[in-house]
């Protein structure tokens, strides 16, 4: 498994976009020059067109494969913290978090799974339940692993830590993620 830093992902995205632009420009040039060129140039232009089509296809596939922004939702209840994410394909992050917090991880009960089922409609999947968590430790670990970290406490106060440029954001904003069916409170009902 290869892990890329956020800046490498941004640079790769830029390279793929520039390759797509250059490939399209090459194809336009080949199409416009083909009818006016000699037989020797026809072969060279066809090779150039083939290379441009191949580069275009590979860049589109690579651009499609770039990981999306990963978000984590940390919901602090009385003595538990629910960790839900939109990055279910990145299970290695949860294995790391589970290894660090090993004695505090508890299993979801069927009632807990049913209670947090509404998050799945918005793309967040409850992954872990942590008993007696240290908020600062969990927040720090999550900002190192995820692009967006949303935290909500028992008083319905939201914090958004944008970690897409740095793993240690200096401030948080009171934003909440796009969750349509949020009940407005995290207290037990």
N, C-alpha and C. Protein backbone atom coordinates (compact mmCIF):
# COMPACT_ATOMS: atom_id res chain seq x y z
N UNK A 1 0.84 -1.16 0.00
CA UNK A 1 0.00 0.00 0.00
C UNK A 1 0.89 1.24 0.00
N UNK A 2 0.60 2.18 -0.85
CA UNK A 2 1.36 3.41 -0.95
C UNK A 2 0.51 4.55 -0.42
N UNK A 3 1.08 5.31 0.50
CA UNK A 3 0.38 6.46 1.05
C UNK A 3 0.98 7.72 0.47
N UNK A 4 0.14 8.62 0.02
CA UNK A 4 0.59 9.89 -0.52
C UNK A 4 0.18 11.00 0.42
N UNK A 5 1.06 11.99 0.57
CA UNK A 5 0.70 13.14 1.37
C UNK A 5 -0.31 13.97 0.60
N UNK A 6 -0.95 14.88 1.30
CA UNK A 6 -1.98 15.70 0.66
C UNK A 6 -1.38 16.58 -0.42
N UNK A 7 -0.14 17.07 -0.23
CA UNK A 7 0.47 17.91 -1.26
C UNK A 7 0.83 17.09 -2.49
N UNK A 8 1.25 15.83 -2.30
CA UNK A 8 1.54 14.98 -3.45
C UNK A 8 0.28 14.71 -4.25
N UNK A 9 -0.83 14.50 -3.59
CA UNK A 9 -2.09 14.27 -4.29
C UNK A 9 -2.47 15.50 -5.10
N UNK A 10 -2.27 16.69 -4.53
CA UNK A 10 -2.56 17.92 -5.25
C UNK A 10 -1.66 18.10 -6.46
N UNK A 11 -0.37 17.80 -6.29
CA UNK A 11 0.56 17.89 -7.42
C UNK A 11 0.21 16.88 -8.50
N UNK A 12 -0.11 15.66 -8.12
CA UNK A 12 -0.50 14.65 -9.10
C UNK A 12 -1.75 15.07 -9.87
N UNK A 13 -2.72 15.64 -9.17
CA UNK A 13 -3.95 16.10 -9.83
C UNK A 13 -3.60 17.17 -10.87
N UNK A 14 -2.71 18.09 -10.51
CA UNK A 14 -2.28 19.13 -11.45
C UNK A 14 -1.57 18.54 -12.66
N UNK A 15 -0.69 17.56 -12.44
CA UNK A 15 0.01 16.92 -13.55
C UNK A 15 -0.98 16.22 -14.48
N UNK A 16 -1.97 15.54 -13.93
CA UNK A 16 -2.96 14.84 -14.76
C UNK A 16 -3.78 15.82 -15.57
N UNK A 17 -4.17 16.93 -14.97
CA UNK A 17 -4.95 17.93 -15.69
C UNK A 17 -4.12 18.55 -16.81
N UNK A 18 -2.85 18.86 -16.53
CA UNK A 18 -1.98 19.41 -17.57
C UNK A 18 -1.73 18.40 -18.69
N UNK A 19 -1.63 17.12 -18.35
CA UNK A 19 -1.46 16.09 -19.37
C UNK A 19 -2.70 16.00 -20.26
N UNK A 20 -3.87 16.11 -19.66
CA UNK A 20 -5.11 16.08 -20.44
C UNK A 20 -5.15 17.27 -21.40
N UNK A 21 -4.80 18.45 -20.91
CA UNK A 21 -4.81 19.65 -21.77
C UNK A 21 -3.81 19.50 -22.91
N UNK A 22 -2.61 19.03 -22.60
CA UNK A 22 -1.58 18.85 -23.62
C UNK A 22 -1.99 17.78 -24.64
N UNK A 23 -2.62 16.71 -24.19
CA UNK A 23 -3.08 15.66 -25.10
C UNK A 23 -4.15 16.17 -26.05
N UNK A 24 -5.08 16.94 -25.52
CA UNK A 24 -6.14 17.50 -26.37
C UNK A 24 -5.54 18.48 -27.38
N UNK A 25 -4.58 19.30 -26.94
CA UNK A 25 -3.93 20.24 -27.87
C UNK A 25 -3.17 19.48 -28.95
N UNK A 26 -2.52 18.37 -28.56
CA UNK A 26 -1.81 17.56 -29.56
C UNK A 26 -2.78 16.95 -30.57
N UNK A 27 -3.90 16.46 -30.09
CA UNK A 27 -4.89 15.87 -31.00
C UNK A 27 -5.46 16.92 -31.97
N UNK A 28 -5.71 18.12 -31.47
CA UNK A 28 -6.21 19.19 -32.34
C UNK A 28 -5.16 19.54 -33.40
N UNK A 29 -3.90 19.59 -32.99
CA UNK A 29 -2.82 19.88 -33.93
C UNK A 29 -2.71 18.79 -34.99
N UNK A 30 -2.77 17.53 -34.57
CA UNK A 30 -2.68 16.41 -35.51
C UNK A 30 -3.83 16.46 -36.51
N UNK A 31 -5.04 16.72 -36.04
CA UNK A 31 -6.20 16.76 -36.93
C UNK A 31 -6.09 17.92 -37.93
N UNK A 32 -5.62 19.07 -37.45
CA UNK A 32 -5.53 20.21 -38.36
C UNK A 32 -4.37 20.10 -39.35
N UNK A 33 -3.30 19.42 -39.00
CA UNK A 33 -2.12 19.33 -39.87
C UNK A 33 -2.11 18.08 -40.76
N UNK A 34 -2.97 17.12 -40.48
CA UNK A 34 -2.90 15.83 -41.18
C UNK A 34 -3.15 15.96 -42.68
N UNK A 35 -4.15 16.71 -43.06
CA UNK A 35 -4.50 16.80 -44.49
C UNK A 35 -3.45 17.57 -45.30
N UNK A 36 -2.69 18.43 -44.69
CA UNK A 36 -1.71 19.24 -45.41
C UNK A 36 -0.31 18.63 -45.42
N UNK A 37 -0.11 17.53 -44.73
CA UNK A 37 1.24 16.99 -44.58
C UNK A 37 1.55 15.91 -45.61
N UNK A 38 2.84 15.57 -45.71
CA UNK A 38 3.31 14.54 -46.65
C UNK A 38 3.08 13.16 -46.04
N UNK A 39 3.40 12.12 -46.82
CA UNK A 39 3.19 10.74 -46.36
C UNK A 39 4.07 10.41 -45.16
N UNK A 40 5.31 10.89 -45.15
CA UNK A 40 6.19 10.64 -44.00
C UNK A 40 5.65 11.30 -42.74
N UNK A 41 5.11 12.49 -42.89
CA UNK A 41 4.53 13.21 -41.73
C UNK A 41 3.24 12.55 -41.27
N UNK A 42 2.51 11.90 -42.20
CA UNK A 42 1.27 11.20 -41.81
C UNK A 42 1.58 10.15 -40.75
N UNK A 43 2.64 9.37 -40.96
CA UNK A 43 3.02 8.33 -40.00
C UNK A 43 3.41 8.95 -38.66
N UNK A 44 4.18 10.04 -38.72
CA UNK A 44 4.60 10.71 -37.48
C UNK A 44 3.41 11.30 -36.74
N UNK A 45 2.48 11.89 -37.48
CA UNK A 45 1.28 12.46 -36.84
C UNK A 45 0.39 11.37 -36.26
N UNK A 46 0.30 10.22 -36.92
CA UNK A 46 -0.49 9.11 -36.37
C UNK A 46 0.13 8.57 -35.08
N UNK A 47 1.46 8.49 -35.04
CA UNK A 47 2.14 8.06 -33.81
C UNK A 47 1.89 9.08 -32.70
N UNK A 48 1.99 10.37 -33.04
CA UNK A 48 1.73 11.42 -32.06
C UNK A 48 0.29 11.36 -31.55
N UNK A 49 -0.66 11.11 -32.45
CA UNK A 49 -2.06 10.99 -32.05
C UNK A 49 -2.26 9.79 -31.13
N UNK A 50 -1.61 8.68 -31.44
CA UNK A 50 -1.72 7.49 -30.59
C UNK A 50 -1.18 7.74 -29.19
N UNK A 51 -0.02 8.41 -29.13
CA UNK A 51 0.56 8.74 -27.82
C UNK A 51 -0.36 9.69 -27.05
N UNK A 52 -0.94 10.66 -27.74
CA UNK A 52 -1.84 11.62 -27.08
C UNK A 52 -3.09 10.92 -26.56
N UNK A 53 -3.64 9.99 -27.33
CA UNK A 53 -4.84 9.27 -26.88
C UNK A 53 -4.50 8.39 -25.68
N UNK A 54 -3.35 7.73 -25.72
CA UNK A 54 -2.92 6.89 -24.60
C UNK A 54 -2.70 7.74 -23.34
N UNK A 55 -2.03 8.87 -23.48
CA UNK A 55 -1.79 9.75 -22.32
C UNK A 55 -3.11 10.30 -21.78
N UNK A 56 -4.03 10.62 -22.67
CA UNK A 56 -5.34 11.12 -22.25
C UNK A 56 -6.09 10.06 -21.46
N UNK A 57 -6.09 8.83 -21.97
CA UNK A 57 -6.81 7.74 -21.28
C UNK A 57 -6.19 7.45 -19.92
N UNK A 58 -4.88 7.36 -19.86
CA UNK A 58 -4.22 7.07 -18.58
C UNK A 58 -4.45 8.20 -17.58
N UNK A 59 -4.39 9.44 -18.03
CA UNK A 59 -4.60 10.58 -17.12
C UNK A 59 -6.03 10.62 -16.60
N UNK A 60 -7.00 10.31 -17.45
CA UNK A 60 -8.39 10.28 -16.99
C UNK A 60 -8.60 9.18 -15.96
N UNK A 61 -8.00 8.02 -16.19
CA UNK A 61 -8.13 6.92 -15.22
C UNK A 61 -7.46 7.31 -13.90
N UNK A 62 -6.27 7.88 -13.96
CA UNK A 62 -5.58 8.29 -12.75
C UNK A 62 -6.32 9.42 -12.03
N UNK A 63 -6.87 10.35 -12.77
CA UNK A 63 -7.62 11.45 -12.16
C UNK A 63 -8.86 10.92 -11.46
N UNK A 64 -9.51 9.94 -12.06
CA UNK A 64 -10.68 9.33 -11.45
C UNK A 64 -10.30 8.56 -10.18
N UNK A 65 -9.11 8.00 -10.14
CA UNK A 65 -8.66 7.19 -9.01
C UNK A 65 -8.09 7.97 -7.84
N UNK A 66 -7.94 9.28 -7.98
CA UNK A 66 -7.41 10.07 -6.86
C UNK A 66 -8.42 10.03 -5.73
N UNK A 67 -7.94 9.79 -4.51
CA UNK A 67 -8.87 9.70 -3.38
C UNK A 67 -9.63 11.01 -3.15
N UNK A 68 -10.88 10.85 -2.80
CA UNK A 68 -11.72 12.01 -2.48
C UNK A 68 -11.34 12.52 -1.09
N UNK A 69 -11.85 13.67 -0.75
CA UNK A 69 -11.61 14.20 0.60
C UNK A 69 -12.24 13.26 1.61
N UNK A 70 -11.47 12.88 2.58
CA UNK A 70 -11.99 11.99 3.62
C UNK A 70 -12.43 12.83 4.82
N UNK A 71 -13.59 12.51 5.32
CA UNK A 71 -14.14 13.22 6.46
C UNK A 71 -14.42 12.23 7.58
N UNK A 72 -14.30 12.72 8.79
CA UNK A 72 -14.66 11.91 9.95
C UNK A 72 -15.55 12.76 10.84
N UNK A 73 -16.53 12.12 11.40
CA UNK A 73 -17.49 12.77 12.29
C UNK A 73 -17.29 12.16 13.67
N UNK A 74 -16.91 12.98 14.64
CA UNK A 74 -16.70 12.53 16.02
C UNK A 74 -17.86 13.04 16.86
N UNK A 75 -18.66 12.13 17.38
CA UNK A 75 -19.83 12.50 18.16
C UNK A 75 -19.57 12.12 19.62
N UNK A 76 -19.43 13.13 20.47
CA UNK A 76 -19.18 12.90 21.90
C UNK A 76 -20.51 12.75 22.62
N UNK A 77 -20.72 11.59 23.20
CA UNK A 77 -21.88 11.39 24.06
C UNK A 77 -21.40 11.48 25.49
N UNK A 78 -22.19 11.05 26.44
CA UNK A 78 -21.81 11.19 27.85
C UNK A 78 -20.44 10.59 28.13
N UNK A 79 -20.24 9.32 27.90
CA UNK A 79 -18.93 8.71 28.15
C UNK A 79 -18.40 7.95 26.95
N UNK A 80 -19.06 8.07 25.82
CA UNK A 80 -18.64 7.39 24.60
C UNK A 80 -18.43 8.41 23.49
N UNK A 81 -17.61 8.02 22.52
CA UNK A 81 -17.44 8.82 21.32
C UNK A 81 -17.65 7.91 20.11
N UNK A 82 -18.55 8.32 19.24
CA UNK A 82 -18.82 7.59 18.01
C UNK A 82 -17.95 8.19 16.91
N UNK A 83 -17.28 7.33 16.16
CA UNK A 83 -16.45 7.76 15.04
C UNK A 83 -17.11 7.26 13.77
N UNK A 84 -17.54 8.19 12.92
CA UNK A 84 -18.19 7.84 11.64
C UNK A 84 -17.40 8.52 10.52
N UNK A 85 -17.31 7.85 9.39
CA UNK A 85 -16.51 8.41 8.29
C UNK A 85 -17.17 8.18 6.95
N UNK A 86 -16.73 8.95 5.96
CA UNK A 86 -17.15 8.73 4.59
C UNK A 86 -16.09 7.95 3.82
N UNK A 87 -14.97 7.63 4.46
CA UNK A 87 -13.85 6.96 3.80
C UNK A 87 -13.79 5.50 4.24
N UNK A 88 -14.78 4.73 3.87
CA UNK A 88 -14.82 3.33 4.30
C UNK A 88 -13.75 2.50 3.61
N UNK A 89 -13.25 2.96 2.48
CA UNK A 89 -12.20 2.23 1.76
C UNK A 89 -10.83 2.40 2.41
N UNK A 90 -10.72 3.26 3.40
CA UNK A 90 -9.44 3.50 4.06
C UNK A 90 -9.44 2.86 5.44
N UNK A 91 -9.64 1.56 5.49
CA UNK A 91 -9.73 0.85 6.75
C UNK A 91 -8.44 0.85 7.55
N UNK A 92 -7.30 1.07 6.90
CA UNK A 92 -6.03 1.09 7.63
C UNK A 92 -6.00 2.21 8.66
N UNK A 93 -6.74 3.29 8.40
CA UNK A 93 -6.79 4.39 9.36
C UNK A 93 -7.50 3.94 10.63
N UNK A 94 -8.57 3.16 10.47
CA UNK A 94 -9.29 2.69 11.64
C UNK A 94 -8.53 1.60 12.38
N UNK A 95 -7.78 0.80 11.65
CA UNK A 95 -6.94 -0.19 12.33
C UNK A 95 -5.90 0.51 13.20
N UNK A 96 -5.33 1.59 12.68
CA UNK A 96 -4.36 2.36 13.47
C UNK A 96 -5.04 2.96 14.70
N UNK A 97 -6.18 3.58 14.51
CA UNK A 97 -6.91 4.19 15.63
C UNK A 97 -7.32 3.12 16.64
N UNK A 98 -7.76 1.97 16.16
CA UNK A 98 -8.15 0.87 17.04
C UNK A 98 -6.94 0.33 17.82
N UNK A 99 -5.78 0.28 17.18
CA UNK A 99 -4.58 -0.18 17.87
C UNK A 99 -4.15 0.79 18.97
N UNK A 100 -4.26 2.08 18.70
CA UNK A 100 -3.86 3.09 19.69
C UNK A 100 -4.83 3.10 20.86
N UNK A 101 -6.11 2.99 20.59
CA UNK A 101 -7.14 3.07 21.64
C UNK A 101 -7.68 1.69 22.02
N UNK A 102 -6.88 0.66 21.94
CA UNK A 102 -7.34 -0.73 22.01
C UNK A 102 -8.21 -1.04 23.23
N UNK A 103 -7.83 -0.62 24.41
CA UNK A 103 -8.62 -1.00 25.59
C UNK A 103 -9.90 -0.20 25.71
N UNK A 104 -10.03 0.87 24.97
CA UNK A 104 -11.23 1.70 25.06
C UNK A 104 -12.26 1.44 23.97
N UNK A 105 -11.94 0.62 22.98
CA UNK A 105 -12.86 0.34 21.89
C UNK A 105 -13.92 -0.65 22.36
N UNK A 106 -15.19 -0.31 22.10
CA UNK A 106 -16.28 -1.23 22.42
C UNK A 106 -17.08 -1.50 21.16
N UNK A 107 -17.80 -2.60 21.15
CA UNK A 107 -18.60 -2.98 19.98
C UNK A 107 -19.93 -2.25 19.98
N UNK A 108 -20.41 -1.98 18.79
CA UNK A 108 -21.74 -1.40 18.65
C UNK A 108 -22.78 -2.47 18.98
N UNK A 109 -23.79 -2.09 19.72
CA UNK A 109 -24.92 -2.99 19.92
C UNK A 109 -25.87 -2.81 18.73
N UNK A 110 -26.83 -3.69 18.61
CA UNK A 110 -27.82 -3.55 17.53
C UNK A 110 -28.61 -2.26 17.67
N UNK A 111 -28.89 -1.88 18.91
CA UNK A 111 -29.62 -0.62 19.14
C UNK A 111 -28.77 0.59 18.72
N UNK A 112 -27.46 0.53 18.99
CA UNK A 112 -26.58 1.63 18.58
C UNK A 112 -26.51 1.73 17.06
N UNK A 113 -26.41 0.59 16.39
CA UNK A 113 -26.36 0.59 14.92
C UNK A 113 -27.65 1.18 14.35
N UNK A 114 -28.78 0.81 14.90
CA UNK A 114 -30.06 1.35 14.42
C UNK A 114 -30.16 2.85 14.71
N UNK A 115 -29.63 3.28 15.85
CA UNK A 115 -29.69 4.68 16.22
C UNK A 115 -28.88 5.57 15.27
N UNK A 116 -27.74 5.07 14.79
CA UNK A 116 -26.86 5.86 13.93
C UNK A 116 -27.04 5.53 12.45
N UNK A 117 -28.04 4.77 12.10
CA UNK A 117 -28.30 4.37 10.72
C UNK A 117 -28.58 5.59 9.82
N UNK A 118 -29.16 6.64 10.37
CA UNK A 118 -29.52 7.81 9.55
C UNK A 118 -28.29 8.48 8.95
N UNK A 119 -27.11 8.31 9.54
CA UNK A 119 -25.90 8.91 8.99
C UNK A 119 -25.51 8.30 7.65
N UNK A 120 -25.89 7.04 7.42
CA UNK A 120 -25.50 6.36 6.19
C UNK A 120 -26.14 6.99 4.95
N UNK A 121 -27.29 7.61 5.11
CA UNK A 121 -27.94 8.27 3.97
C UNK A 121 -27.13 9.46 3.47
N UNK A 122 -26.32 10.05 4.35
CA UNK A 122 -25.48 11.19 3.97
C UNK A 122 -24.03 10.78 3.71
N UNK A 123 -23.77 9.48 3.70
CA UNK A 123 -22.45 9.00 3.35
C UNK A 123 -21.50 8.79 4.52
N UNK A 124 -21.97 8.91 5.74
CA UNK A 124 -21.13 8.66 6.92
C UNK A 124 -21.50 7.31 7.51
N UNK A 125 -20.50 6.50 7.78
CA UNK A 125 -20.73 5.16 8.29
C UNK A 125 -20.07 5.03 9.66
N UNK A 126 -20.86 4.76 10.70
CA UNK A 126 -20.28 4.59 12.03
C UNK A 126 -19.30 3.42 12.03
N UNK A 127 -18.09 3.66 12.49
CA UNK A 127 -17.04 2.65 12.43
C UNK A 127 -16.58 2.20 13.80
N UNK A 128 -16.44 3.12 14.73
CA UNK A 128 -15.90 2.79 16.04
C UNK A 128 -16.71 3.46 17.14
N UNK A 129 -16.69 2.83 18.29
CA UNK A 129 -17.24 3.45 19.50
C UNK A 129 -16.14 3.38 20.56
N UNK A 130 -15.77 4.52 21.10
CA UNK A 130 -14.66 4.60 22.04
C UNK A 130 -15.21 4.98 23.42
N UNK A 131 -14.90 4.15 24.41
CA UNK A 131 -15.35 4.40 25.79
C UNK A 131 -14.33 5.28 26.49
N UNK A 132 -14.79 6.31 27.18
CA UNK A 132 -13.95 7.25 27.94
C UNK A 132 -12.78 7.79 27.10
N UNK A 133 -13.08 8.42 25.99
CA UNK A 133 -11.98 8.90 25.14
C UNK A 133 -11.36 10.19 25.67
N UNK A 134 -10.14 10.41 25.30
CA UNK A 134 -9.48 11.70 25.52
C UNK A 134 -9.70 12.50 24.24
N UNK A 135 -10.52 13.54 24.33
CA UNK A 135 -10.92 14.28 23.14
C UNK A 135 -9.71 14.79 22.36
N UNK A 136 -8.76 15.35 23.05
CA UNK A 136 -7.61 15.94 22.37
C UNK A 136 -6.80 14.87 21.62
N UNK A 137 -6.64 13.71 22.22
CA UNK A 137 -5.90 12.63 21.58
C UNK A 137 -6.62 12.15 20.32
N UNK A 138 -7.92 11.90 20.42
CA UNK A 138 -8.69 11.43 19.27
C UNK A 138 -8.71 12.50 18.18
N UNK A 139 -8.91 13.74 18.57
CA UNK A 139 -8.93 14.84 17.60
C UNK A 139 -7.59 14.97 16.89
N UNK A 140 -6.50 14.86 17.63
CA UNK A 140 -5.17 14.97 17.03
C UNK A 140 -4.91 13.82 16.07
N UNK A 141 -5.26 12.60 16.46
CA UNK A 141 -5.07 11.45 15.58
C UNK A 141 -5.90 11.58 14.31
N UNK A 142 -7.13 12.03 14.46
CA UNK A 142 -8.01 12.14 13.29
C UNK A 142 -7.57 13.26 12.35
N UNK A 143 -7.04 14.37 12.89
CA UNK A 143 -6.56 15.43 12.00
C UNK A 143 -5.32 14.99 11.24
N UNK A 144 -4.59 14.02 11.76
CA UNK A 144 -3.43 13.50 11.03
C UNK A 144 -3.86 12.55 9.91
N UNK A 145 -5.05 11.95 10.03
CA UNK A 145 -5.46 10.91 9.08
C UNK A 145 -6.53 11.34 8.09
N UNK A 146 -7.35 12.32 8.43
CA UNK A 146 -8.49 12.69 7.60
C UNK A 146 -8.38 14.15 7.17
N UNK A 147 -9.01 14.47 6.03
CA UNK A 147 -8.98 15.85 5.52
C UNK A 147 -9.88 16.78 6.32
N UNK A 148 -11.08 16.32 6.66
CA UNK A 148 -12.03 17.12 7.43
C UNK A 148 -12.41 16.35 8.68
N UNK A 149 -12.30 17.02 9.82
CA UNK A 149 -12.69 16.41 11.09
C UNK A 149 -13.78 17.28 11.69
N UNK A 150 -14.94 16.68 11.89
CA UNK A 150 -16.07 17.37 12.51
C UNK A 150 -16.27 16.77 13.89
N UNK A 151 -16.38 17.62 14.89
CA UNK A 151 -16.60 17.16 16.26
C UNK A 151 -17.84 17.83 16.80
N UNK A 152 -18.69 17.05 17.46
CA UNK A 152 -19.86 17.61 18.13
C UNK A 152 -19.90 17.07 19.54
N UNK A 153 -20.14 17.97 20.48
CA UNK A 153 -20.20 17.53 21.88
C UNK A 153 -21.65 17.42 22.33
N UNK A 154 -21.84 17.12 23.62
CA UNK A 154 -23.18 16.92 24.17
C UNK A 154 -24.04 18.16 24.18
N UNK A 155 -23.45 19.35 24.04
CA UNK A 155 -24.22 20.59 24.03
C UNK A 155 -24.55 21.04 22.62
N UNK A 156 -24.33 20.17 21.63
CA UNK A 156 -24.62 20.44 20.23
C UNK A 156 -23.74 21.56 19.67
N UNK A 157 -22.50 21.62 20.13
CA UNK A 157 -21.52 22.59 19.63
C UNK A 157 -20.62 21.89 18.62
N UNK A 158 -20.57 22.43 17.40
CA UNK A 158 -19.80 21.82 16.32
C UNK A 158 -18.43 22.46 16.21
N UNK A 159 -17.44 21.64 15.85
CA UNK A 159 -16.11 22.12 15.50
C UNK A 159 -15.72 21.45 14.19
N UNK A 160 -15.17 22.24 13.27
CA UNK A 160 -14.67 21.70 12.01
C UNK A 160 -13.18 22.02 11.92
N UNK A 161 -12.37 20.97 11.81
CA UNK A 161 -10.93 21.13 11.64
C UNK A 161 -10.60 20.71 10.22
N UNK A 162 -10.14 21.66 9.41
CA UNK A 162 -9.78 21.39 8.02
C UNK A 162 -8.31 21.02 7.98
N UNK A 163 -8.05 19.73 7.76
CA UNK A 163 -6.67 19.23 7.77
C UNK A 163 -6.16 18.94 6.37
N UNK A 164 -6.77 19.51 5.35
CA UNK A 164 -6.37 19.17 3.99
C UNK A 164 -5.01 19.75 3.62
N UNK A 165 -4.58 20.84 4.26
CA UNK A 165 -3.28 21.43 3.94
C UNK A 165 -2.23 21.12 4.99
N UNK A 166 -2.64 20.90 6.21
CA UNK A 166 -1.71 20.60 7.28
C UNK A 166 -2.36 19.62 8.25
N UNK A 167 -1.57 18.76 8.85
CA UNK A 167 -2.13 17.81 9.79
C UNK A 167 -2.39 18.42 11.16
N UNK A 168 -1.98 19.65 11.35
CA UNK A 168 -2.22 20.34 12.62
C UNK A 168 -2.87 21.69 12.37
N UNK A 169 -4.17 21.70 12.09
CA UNK A 169 -4.84 22.99 11.86
C UNK A 169 -4.80 23.83 13.13
N UNK A 170 -4.59 25.12 12.96
CA UNK A 170 -4.42 26.01 14.11
C UNK A 170 -5.74 26.49 14.68
N UNK A 171 -6.81 26.39 13.95
CA UNK A 171 -8.09 26.85 14.46
C UNK A 171 -9.20 25.97 13.91
N UNK A 172 -10.34 26.07 14.57
CA UNK A 172 -11.52 25.34 14.10
C UNK A 172 -12.63 26.33 13.82
N UNK A 173 -13.56 25.92 12.98
CA UNK A 173 -14.71 26.74 12.67
C UNK A 173 -15.97 26.03 13.16
N UNK A 174 -17.04 26.75 13.42
CA UNK A 174 -18.26 26.10 13.92
C UNK A 174 -19.14 25.53 12.80
N UNK A 175 -18.54 24.95 11.78
CA UNK A 175 -19.31 24.38 10.67
C UNK A 175 -19.72 22.95 10.99
N UNK A 176 -20.82 22.54 10.39
CA UNK A 176 -21.20 21.14 10.49
C UNK A 176 -21.29 20.56 9.09
N UNK A 177 -21.11 19.25 8.96
CA UNK A 177 -21.15 18.64 7.62
C UNK A 177 -22.57 18.63 7.06
N UNK A 178 -22.66 18.29 5.79
CA UNK A 178 -23.96 18.23 5.13
C UNK A 178 -24.69 16.96 5.57
N UNK A 179 -25.38 17.04 6.69
CA UNK A 179 -26.17 15.92 7.19
C UNK A 179 -27.61 16.38 7.22
N UNK A 180 -28.43 15.75 6.41
CA UNK A 180 -29.81 16.19 6.27
C UNK A 180 -30.68 15.82 7.47
N UNK A 181 -30.44 14.66 8.06
CA UNK A 181 -31.35 14.18 9.09
C UNK A 181 -30.78 14.28 10.50
N UNK A 182 -29.90 15.26 10.73
CA UNK A 182 -29.34 15.39 12.06
C UNK A 182 -30.44 15.82 13.01
N UNK A 183 -30.54 15.13 14.12
CA UNK A 183 -31.64 15.37 15.05
C UNK A 183 -31.42 16.62 15.91
N UNK A 184 -30.23 17.19 15.85
CA UNK A 184 -29.98 18.42 16.59
C UNK A 184 -29.41 18.20 17.96
N UNK A 185 -29.29 16.98 18.39
CA UNK A 185 -28.72 16.71 19.70
C UNK A 185 -28.09 15.34 19.70
N UNK A 186 -27.15 15.12 20.60
CA UNK A 186 -26.50 13.82 20.69
C UNK A 186 -26.83 13.10 21.97
N UNK A 187 -27.69 13.70 22.79
CA UNK A 187 -28.03 13.06 24.05
C UNK A 187 -28.88 11.82 23.80
N UNK A 188 -28.83 10.89 24.72
CA UNK A 188 -29.61 9.64 24.56
C UNK A 188 -31.10 9.97 24.61
N UNK A 189 -31.85 9.34 23.71
CA UNK A 189 -33.30 9.57 23.70
C UNK A 189 -34.03 8.35 24.19
